[in-house]
Protein backbone atom coordinates (compact mmCIF):
# COMPACT_ATOMS: atom_id res chain seq x y z
CA MET A 1 -0.12 -0.05 -0.20
CA ASN A 2 1.44 3.30 -1.21
CA SER A 3 1.49 6.09 1.17
CA VAL A 4 0.30 9.27 0.64
CA LYS A 5 2.77 12.24 1.40
CA LYS A 6 1.41 15.41 0.51
CA CYS A 7 3.33 19.24 1.69
CA HIS A 8 0.58 21.39 2.57
CA LEU A 9 0.83 25.04 2.03
CA SER A 10 -1.49 27.45 3.79
CA ARG A 11 -3.74 29.39 1.22
CA ARG A 12 -2.09 32.62 1.81
CA ALA A 13 1.33 31.38 1.44
CA VAL A 14 3.55 33.76 0.69
CA LEU A 15 6.84 34.01 -1.40
CA ARG A 16 9.27 36.19 0.38
CA ALA A 17 13.02 37.00 -1.02
CA GLY A 18 15.34 40.79 -1.08
CA GLY A 19 12.55 42.57 0.37
CA VAL A 20 9.92 41.33 -1.69
CA ALA A 21 6.57 39.44 -1.16
CA MET A 22 4.62 38.02 -3.60
CA ALA A 23 0.86 36.04 -2.73
CA LEU A 24 0.95 32.65 -4.36
CA PRO A 25 -1.78 31.39 -6.93
CA TRP A 26 -4.26 28.23 -5.89
CA LEU A 27 -1.87 25.47 -5.92
CA ASP A 28 -2.40 21.93 -5.05
CA SER A 29 -0.51 21.78 -2.29
CA MET A 30 -2.69 23.99 -0.70
CA GLN A 31 -5.46 21.35 -0.56
CA PRO A 32 -5.13 18.74 1.76
CA ALA A 33 -4.38 15.10 1.44
CA LEU A 34 -7.09 13.01 0.68
CA SER A 35 -9.39 15.53 0.70
CA ALA A 36 -11.67 15.91 -2.29
CA GLU A 37 -12.13 19.91 -2.18
CA THR A 38 -11.48 21.84 0.55
CA LYS A 39 -13.96 24.23 1.91
CA GLN A 40 -13.89 27.69 0.15
CA PRO A 41 -14.72 30.75 1.60
CA LYS A 42 -18.60 32.09 0.39
CA ARG A 43 -18.67 35.89 -0.61
CA PHE A 44 -21.15 38.25 -1.57
CA VAL A 45 -21.09 41.07 -4.42
CA GLY A 46 -23.63 43.49 -4.23
CA VAL A 47 -24.42 45.82 -6.61
CA LEU A 48 -27.60 48.78 -6.46
CA ASN A 49 -28.12 51.01 -9.98
CA TYR A 50 -29.69 53.98 -8.94
CA PHE A 51 -31.91 54.98 -12.16
CA SER A 52 -32.80 51.20 -12.75
CA PHE A 53 -33.23 49.50 -16.06
CA HIS A 54 -35.92 49.65 -19.00
CA THR A 55 -37.92 46.80 -17.43
CA PRO A 56 -39.45 46.20 -21.21
CA PHE A 57 -36.26 45.59 -22.55
CA LEU A 58 -35.04 43.19 -19.61
CA PHE A 59 -37.68 41.36 -18.27
CA PRO A 60 -38.52 37.96 -20.54
CA LYS A 61 -42.36 38.04 -21.51
CA ASP A 62 -42.20 34.11 -20.19
CA SER A 63 -41.36 32.85 -16.85
CA GLY A 64 -39.51 29.39 -15.88
CA TYR A 65 -36.54 27.44 -17.68
CA ASP A 66 -37.39 27.91 -21.21
CA TYR A 67 -37.46 31.58 -21.34
CA GLN A 68 -36.88 33.55 -24.59
CA LEU A 69 -33.55 36.51 -24.00
CA SER A 70 -35.16 39.80 -23.77
CA PRO A 71 -32.86 42.24 -25.83
CA TYR A 72 -30.96 43.24 -22.62
CA LEU A 73 -30.42 40.18 -21.78
CA GLU A 74 -28.91 38.68 -25.25
CA LEU A 75 -26.31 40.97 -24.01
CA LEU A 76 -25.72 38.35 -21.48
CA ARG A 77 -26.87 34.75 -23.69
CA ASP A 78 -23.23 33.34 -22.62
CA HIS A 79 -24.00 33.47 -19.30
CA LYS A 80 -27.81 32.25 -19.31
CA GLN A 81 -27.22 29.55 -16.79
CA ASP A 82 -25.20 31.17 -14.42
CA PHE A 83 -27.54 33.49 -13.52
CA THR A 84 -31.65 33.91 -12.60
CA ILE A 85 -33.55 36.67 -13.58
CA LEU A 86 -36.57 37.76 -10.87
CA SER A 87 -38.82 40.32 -11.69
CA GLY A 88 -41.70 41.39 -9.30
CA LEU A 89 -40.37 41.60 -5.99
CA ASN A 90 -40.09 44.53 -3.58
CA HIS A 91 -39.75 46.22 -0.53
CA PRO A 92 -43.26 46.70 1.43
CA ASP A 93 -43.62 50.11 2.57
CA VAL A 94 -41.10 51.40 0.06
CA ARG A 95 -42.83 53.20 -2.17
CA ASP A 96 -40.63 56.53 -1.85
CA GLY A 97 -39.12 56.71 -5.62
CA HIS A 98 -35.54 57.65 -5.50
CA ALA A 99 -35.49 57.48 -1.46
CA SER A 100 -35.93 53.85 -1.83
CA ASP A 101 -32.26 53.33 -2.93
CA LYS A 102 -31.39 53.97 1.12
CA SER A 103 -33.66 50.62 1.49
CA PHE A 104 -32.52 48.65 -1.21
CA PHE A 105 -30.04 46.75 1.18
CA THR A 106 -31.94 47.18 4.26
CA GLY A 107 -35.88 46.82 3.88
CA ALA A 108 -36.16 49.89 6.41
CA PRO A 109 -39.85 51.34 5.92
CA HIS A 110 -40.41 54.63 4.15
CA PRO A 111 -37.29 56.18 3.41
CA GLY A 112 -38.79 59.53 2.09
CA SER A 113 -39.90 60.14 5.42
CA PRO A 114 -38.96 63.15 7.33
CA THR A 115 -38.13 60.77 10.60
CA PHE A 116 -36.95 57.69 8.59
CA ARG A 117 -33.81 55.95 10.02
CA ASN A 118 -31.67 53.71 8.75
CA THR A 119 -31.07 50.24 9.69
CA ILE A 120 -27.77 48.10 9.09
CA SER A 121 -27.30 46.96 5.40
CA ILE A 122 -26.74 43.34 4.85
CA ASP A 123 -23.04 43.76 4.14
CA GLN A 124 -22.04 45.43 7.04
CA LEU A 125 -24.56 42.85 8.78
CA ALA A 126 -22.17 39.90 7.32
CA ALA A 127 -19.20 42.03 8.02
CA GLU A 128 -19.77 42.07 11.68
CA ALA A 129 -20.08 37.90 11.35
CA ILE A 130 -17.43 37.08 9.18
CA GLY A 131 -15.49 40.16 8.23
CA HIS A 132 -12.69 39.70 10.80
CA GLU A 133 -11.72 36.24 8.63
CA THR A 134 -9.99 38.94 6.17
CA ARG A 135 -7.88 41.89 6.25
CA TYR A 136 -11.31 43.85 5.11
CA SER A 137 -14.15 43.57 6.55
CA SER A 138 -16.27 44.89 3.86
CA LEU A 139 -15.78 46.88 0.65
CA ASN A 140 -17.93 49.75 0.14
CA PHE A 141 -17.79 50.96 -3.88
CA SER A 142 -19.51 54.09 -5.59
CA THR A 143 -18.99 56.00 -8.95
CA SER A 144 -20.35 59.36 -6.97
CA ALA A 145 -19.24 60.70 -3.18
CA SER A 146 -22.48 61.38 -2.87
CA TYR A 147 -24.03 58.09 -2.40
CA SER A 148 -23.36 54.89 -0.76
CA CYS A 149 -25.42 51.74 -0.43
CA SER A 150 -23.70 50.74 2.86
CA TYR A 151 -25.05 51.29 6.27
CA THR A 152 -24.17 50.50 9.68
CA ARG A 153 -26.15 49.26 12.59
CA ASN A 154 -26.89 52.83 13.59
CA GLY A 155 -28.28 52.88 10.00
CA VAL A 156 -25.57 55.98 9.13
CA ALA A 157 -24.09 55.96 5.35
CA LEU A 158 -20.63 54.60 5.07
CA PRO A 159 -18.30 56.49 3.13
CA PRO A 160 -17.52 55.00 -0.73
CA GLU A 161 -14.59 54.85 -2.21
CA ILE A 162 -15.23 55.86 -5.78
CA SER A 163 -11.38 56.03 -7.44
CA PRO A 164 -10.97 52.33 -9.15
CA ALA A 165 -6.43 53.53 -8.64
CA ARG A 166 -6.62 54.70 -5.28
CA ALA A 167 -8.48 51.43 -4.18
CA PHE A 168 -6.12 49.19 -6.21
CA ALA A 169 -3.37 50.92 -4.36
CA LYS A 170 -4.42 50.69 -0.99
CA LEU A 171 -5.16 46.69 -1.81
CA PHE A 172 -2.53 45.70 -3.29
CA ILE A 173 0.70 48.75 -3.41
CA SER A 174 2.93 47.64 -0.75
CA GLY A 175 4.42 51.45 0.61
CA MET A 176 8.46 51.87 1.65
CA PRO A 177 9.32 50.47 5.14
CA ALA A 178 9.04 53.82 6.57
CA GLN A 179 5.81 54.49 5.18
CA VAL A 180 4.40 51.26 6.67
CA ALA A 181 5.44 52.73 9.94
CA ASP A 182 4.20 55.63 9.68
CA GLU A 183 0.41 53.71 9.04
CA VAL A 184 0.70 51.46 12.21
CA MET A 185 1.61 54.74 13.98
CA ARG A 186 -1.13 56.40 12.89
CA VAL A 187 -3.92 53.37 13.77
CA LYS A 188 -2.16 53.44 17.42
CA GLU A 189 -2.31 57.23 17.25
CA GLY A 190 -6.32 56.91 16.22
CA ARG A 191 -6.73 54.09 18.91
CA SER A 192 -5.45 56.79 21.72
CA ILE A 193 -8.05 59.02 20.50
CA LEU A 194 -10.87 57.05 20.74
CA ASP A 195 -9.79 55.98 24.12
CA ARG A 196 -9.89 59.65 25.41
CA VAL A 197 -13.13 60.36 23.14
CA ALA A 198 -14.80 57.60 24.66
CA SER A 199 -14.11 58.68 28.24
CA GLU A 200 -14.97 62.39 27.85
CA ALA A 201 -18.56 60.94 26.28
CA LYS A 202 -19.09 58.65 29.72
CA ARG A 203 -18.29 61.86 31.65
CA LEU A 204 -21.18 63.78 29.79
CA GLU A 205 -23.90 60.76 29.83
CA ARG A 206 -24.04 62.17 33.46
CA LYS A 207 -24.95 65.33 32.74
CA VAL A 208 -27.81 64.47 29.88
CA GLY A 209 -31.53 63.54 29.37
CA PRO A 210 -32.70 60.17 28.61
CA THR A 211 -32.78 61.07 25.18
CA ASP A 212 -29.77 61.93 24.35
CA ARG A 213 -28.45 59.27 26.56
CA VAL A 214 -29.74 56.90 23.74
CA LYS A 215 -28.00 59.22 21.27
CA LEU A 216 -24.88 58.54 23.63
CA ASP A 217 -25.52 55.03 23.30
CA GLN A 218 -25.26 54.57 19.88
CA TYR A 219 -22.25 56.78 19.58
CA TYR A 220 -20.29 54.11 22.21
CA SER A 221 -21.46 51.47 19.65
CA SER A 222 -19.60 53.49 16.76
CA VAL A 223 -16.76 53.91 18.69
CA ARG A 224 -16.21 50.24 19.69
CA ASP A 225 -17.27 49.25 16.43
CA LEU A 226 -14.35 51.91 15.10
CA GLU A 227 -11.77 50.45 17.64
CA LYS A 228 -12.31 47.15 16.39
CA ARG A 229 -11.55 48.01 12.98
CA MET A 230 -8.46 49.86 13.98
CA ILE A 231 -6.90 46.60 16.04
CA GLN A 232 -7.46 45.07 12.99
CA ALA A 233 -6.48 47.71 10.86
CA GLU A 234 -2.70 47.74 13.22
CA HIS A 235 -2.11 43.73 12.88
CA TYR A 236 -2.29 44.21 9.32
CA ALA A 237 -0.57 47.04 8.37
CA SER A 238 2.82 45.78 8.80
CA GLN A 239 1.75 42.79 6.58
CA PRO A 240 2.69 42.30 3.15
CA LYS A 241 0.00 43.34 0.45
CA PRO A 242 -0.51 40.05 -2.24
CA SER A 243 0.94 41.06 -5.71
CA ILE A 244 -1.58 40.17 -8.15
CA GLY A 245 0.95 40.34 -11.25
CA THR A 246 -1.42 42.79 -12.88
CA GLN A 247 -0.90 46.47 -13.95
CA PRO A 248 -2.34 49.17 -11.57
CA LEU A 249 -5.71 50.39 -12.65
CA GLU A 250 -6.11 54.34 -13.76
CA ASP A 251 -9.03 56.14 -13.24
CA PRO A 252 -11.39 56.98 -15.97
CA ALA A 253 -11.91 60.44 -17.36
CA PRO A 254 -14.84 62.48 -15.94
CA GLY A 255 -18.06 61.28 -16.85
CA GLU A 256 -16.98 57.51 -17.83
CA ASP A 257 -18.37 56.26 -14.82
CA ILE A 258 -19.56 52.93 -16.85
CA VAL A 259 -16.08 52.74 -17.43
CA ARG A 260 -15.74 53.02 -13.88
CA PHE A 261 -18.16 51.14 -12.73
CA GLY A 262 -16.45 48.00 -14.41
CA LEU A 263 -13.33 48.90 -12.71
CA LEU A 264 -14.22 48.70 -9.52
CA LEU A 265 -15.78 45.30 -10.51
CA GLU A 266 -12.65 43.92 -11.02
CA VAL A 267 -10.73 45.50 -7.98
CA ALA A 268 -13.74 43.60 -6.19
CA ARG A 269 -12.81 40.84 -8.06
CA LEU A 270 -9.07 40.89 -7.38
CA ALA A 271 -9.41 41.30 -3.77
CA MET A 272 -11.88 38.33 -3.48
CA GLN A 273 -9.43 36.06 -5.18
CA VAL A 274 -6.65 36.71 -2.88
CA ASP A 275 -9.01 36.74 0.39
CA LEU A 276 -8.54 40.52 1.20
CA THR A 277 -12.26 40.77 1.60
CA ARG A 278 -15.49 38.77 1.25
CA ILE A 279 -17.72 41.44 0.88
CA ALA A 280 -17.95 44.27 -1.51
CA THR A 281 -20.77 46.61 -2.59
CA LEU A 282 -21.21 49.00 -5.63
CA TYR A 283 -23.50 52.01 -6.11
CA TYR A 284 -23.89 52.54 -9.68
CA VAL A 285 -25.19 56.11 -10.04
CA GLY A 286 -25.45 57.02 -13.70
CA SER A 287 -23.07 57.96 -16.61
CA SER A 288 -22.46 61.33 -19.29
CA LYS A 289 -20.71 58.88 -22.06
CA SER A 290 -20.99 55.92 -23.14
CA PRO A 291 -17.89 53.69 -24.70
CA SER A 292 -20.16 52.29 -27.10
CA LYS A 293 -20.63 55.69 -28.26
CA PRO A 294 -17.22 57.53 -27.77
CA GLY A 295 -17.70 61.81 -27.98
CA ALA A 296 -21.15 61.26 -27.36
CA SER A 297 -22.83 62.68 -24.09
CA PHE A 298 -26.15 61.82 -22.29
CA ALA A 299 -28.20 62.66 -19.29
CA TYR A 300 -28.68 59.59 -17.76
CA HIS A 301 -31.47 60.97 -15.46
CA ASP A 302 -33.60 62.88 -18.07
CA LEU A 303 -33.52 59.77 -20.41
CA SER A 304 -34.61 57.64 -17.13
CA HIS A 305 -37.72 60.03 -17.14
CA HIS A 306 -38.33 59.25 -20.79
CA GLY A 307 -42.21 59.54 -20.58
CA GLN A 308 -42.34 57.17 -23.65
CA ASP A 309 -40.85 58.96 -25.88
CA SER A 310 -39.02 56.67 -27.77
CA GLU A 311 -35.95 58.75 -29.23
CA LYS A 312 -35.35 58.85 -25.67
CA ILE A 313 -35.92 55.02 -24.31
CA ASP A 314 -33.32 54.72 -27.70
CA GLN A 315 -30.38 56.85 -25.81
CA LEU A 316 -31.67 55.45 -22.60
CA ALA A 317 -30.68 52.14 -23.97
CA ILE A 318 -26.74 52.84 -24.79
CA LEU A 319 -26.37 53.36 -21.54
CA GLU A 320 -28.01 50.32 -20.02
CA ARG A 321 -26.59 48.06 -22.17
CA ASP A 322 -22.87 49.19 -21.67
CA LEU A 323 -24.18 48.65 -18.04
CA LEU A 324 -25.11 44.79 -18.36
CA GLN A 325 -21.64 44.16 -20.81
CA GLN A 326 -19.61 45.32 -17.72
CA TRP A 327 -21.68 42.85 -15.37
CA GLY A 328 -21.02 40.77 -18.44
CA ILE A 329 -17.33 41.30 -18.15
CA PHE A 330 -17.50 40.79 -14.23
CA LEU A 331 -19.03 37.28 -14.64
CA SER A 332 -16.86 36.06 -17.43
CA GLN A 333 -13.71 36.81 -15.54
CA MET A 334 -15.56 35.23 -12.06
CA LYS A 335 -16.13 32.37 -14.07
CA GLU A 336 -12.64 32.11 -15.43
CA THR A 337 -11.09 32.55 -12.47
CA GLY A 338 -10.24 29.25 -10.20
CA GLU A 339 -10.19 28.53 -6.93
CA GLY A 340 -9.96 24.72 -6.07
CA ASN A 341 -11.71 22.47 -8.51
CA SER A 342 -14.16 25.32 -8.85
CA ARG A 343 -14.57 28.62 -10.20
CA LEU A 344 -14.57 31.77 -7.80
CA LEU A 345 -18.28 33.10 -9.36
CA ASP A 346 -19.14 29.17 -7.62
CA HIS A 347 -18.82 30.59 -4.03
CA THR A 348 -19.89 34.00 -4.55
CA PHE A 349 -23.24 35.36 -3.72
CA ALA A 350 -23.46 38.34 -6.91
CA VAL A 351 -26.87 40.24 -7.09
CA LEU A 352 -27.07 43.26 -9.42
CA GLY A 353 -30.33 45.28 -8.50
CA ALA A 354 -32.72 48.62 -8.66
CA GLY A 355 -34.57 49.94 -5.74
CA MET A 356 -37.45 51.40 -8.45
CA GLY A 357 -38.43 48.93 -11.18
CA ASN A 358 -39.81 52.15 -13.33
CA ALA A 359 -37.57 55.44 -12.62
CA SER A 360 -39.95 57.38 -15.08
CA SER A 361 -42.39 57.39 -12.63
CA HIS A 362 -40.28 56.51 -9.41
CA ASP A 363 -42.28 53.51 -8.97
CA ALA A 364 -41.07 51.09 -6.61
CA THR A 365 -42.12 47.62 -7.44
CA ASP A 366 -41.56 45.30 -9.76
CA LEU A 367 -37.55 45.14 -9.04
CA PRO A 368 -35.27 44.53 -11.33
CA LEU A 369 -32.94 42.11 -10.19
CA LEU A 370 -29.91 39.37 -11.75
CA VAL A 371 -29.06 36.98 -9.31
CA SER A 372 -25.57 34.76 -9.99
CA GLY A 373 -23.64 32.19 -8.29
CA SER A 374 -23.97 30.61 -5.22
CA LYS A 375 -24.46 26.93 -6.65
CA PHE A 376 -28.40 28.04 -7.42
CA ARG A 377 -29.87 25.90 -10.21
CA HIS A 378 -29.80 29.26 -12.67
CA GLY A 379 -30.85 29.49 -15.83
CA GLN A 380 -34.66 30.80 -15.17
CA HIS A 381 -37.04 33.52 -15.20
CA LEU A 382 -37.86 33.43 -11.65
CA ALA A 383 -41.46 35.60 -12.22
CA HIS A 384 -43.36 36.57 -8.99
CA ASN A 385 -47.02 38.93 -8.85
CA PRO A 386 -45.71 42.44 -7.59
CA LYS A 387 -49.35 42.54 -5.93
CA ASN A 388 -48.52 39.83 -3.76
CA SER A 389 -45.06 38.79 -3.84
CA PRO A 390 -42.47 37.80 -1.23
CA PRO A 391 -40.29 40.77 0.41
CA LEU A 392 -37.20 41.63 -1.30
CA CYS A 393 -35.76 40.66 2.20
CA ASN A 394 -36.29 37.07 1.36
CA LEU A 395 -33.72 36.84 -1.01
CA TRP A 396 -31.72 38.85 1.24
CA VAL A 397 -32.39 35.88 4.13
CA ASN A 398 -30.69 33.53 1.17
CA ALA A 399 -27.54 35.62 0.76
CA LEU A 400 -26.91 35.69 4.28
CA GLN A 401 -27.07 31.91 4.71
CA HIS A 402 -25.11 31.86 1.78
CA LEU A 403 -22.23 33.49 3.56
CA GLY A 404 -22.98 30.58 6.49
CA LEU A 405 -24.84 33.20 8.60
CA GLU A 406 -27.15 31.31 10.65
CA MET A 407 -30.33 33.58 10.09
CA GLU A 408 -34.49 32.99 9.42
CA GLU A 409 -34.72 36.63 9.13
CA PHE A 410 -33.70 39.86 8.02
CA GLY A 411 -35.95 43.40 7.99
CA SER A 412 -39.63 42.40 6.42
CA SER A 413 -38.66 38.63 5.25
CA THR A 414 -40.88 36.11 6.19
CA GLY A 415 -38.41 33.33 5.54
CA THR A 416 -36.26 32.70 2.25
CA LEU A 417 -37.04 32.89 -1.33
CA SER A 418 -37.90 29.85 -2.58
CA GLY A 419 -37.29 28.81 -6.31
CA LEU A 420 -33.21 29.39 -6.21
CA SER A 421 -32.19 26.39 -5.33
């Protein structure tokens, strides 16, 4: 009987020589001997499209697995067996036009109300549970600094990163030893400031009324969360950043936010490929330039309020086709990126959707959603009646369970969304 000998390498194994560190790709030696397949980490990529899609061009006319591709979905023909198109879903008590975007990943009701207070988004809920396992608990991107789709437990929007070049440098380009030391010192100084601020806030608590004490308690929670992240940042600040063998990304020209969208998706994919994070969100806010029509200029917001004007709809379709092409490129790269005996996409719950079903009329029902990955039974149009559908938060329960969280409810959910598995 032959014995099996296998040198087992850590998944995060790094080559070091002459002050240079380079992360290794997935190797057979990173898989334990006599094991058919190592259990791969689960990931989540959530994308919100502010102005939605012209759904007559997106939704198929029939449902099930034998549906005919719509004009927009023709662009994703090569990926038909890797995605499910969902229609008819919405959030109960979210009928607030553009403000509905605030509730897309939270399900919080009445986002247009003057007294609205948001709740935690699914990405940050997941980050609380599994974010400690990676260098970055989550990544939050947007094509506009004024828009975020990621919210803390206190309902505060997290500031997004909008620069692909800056994000790439932060994740993959290591500084000189002196720069690393400065980064560690800044983290330590930040933690010291938090200690002093928290102490002052505690003294203040004895001088204020019940309402202000609630606010201070929320503040303490935020301070504690930030301190945990800073402790994690201190640990990683002196660690080498992974080398991925690609050239640094450059930011697109002003107005080219469809290109920006694609580049930010690529940053997210690269970060997940080397396990820097397992959670990423991206908010796409519109573009005035189109890759397929160089030199042309568009007013996305005006076109989204087309009022059934055929000329405006034709122009809108140019922008939306280009956006879906970028999503198709992302899916291709996720499928081409191997991980063990499978694909990166197989372990990723990837969703592209919108908080409005009809941007022209500000209607927040019948939301367009494309779900990929997670080894679901894809290749179908899963249609629901918008007037009697399960809440969108049911899909978010699916996503949280995919990530390994033992959760049966989130927001307005009534369970998981049936028909996917």
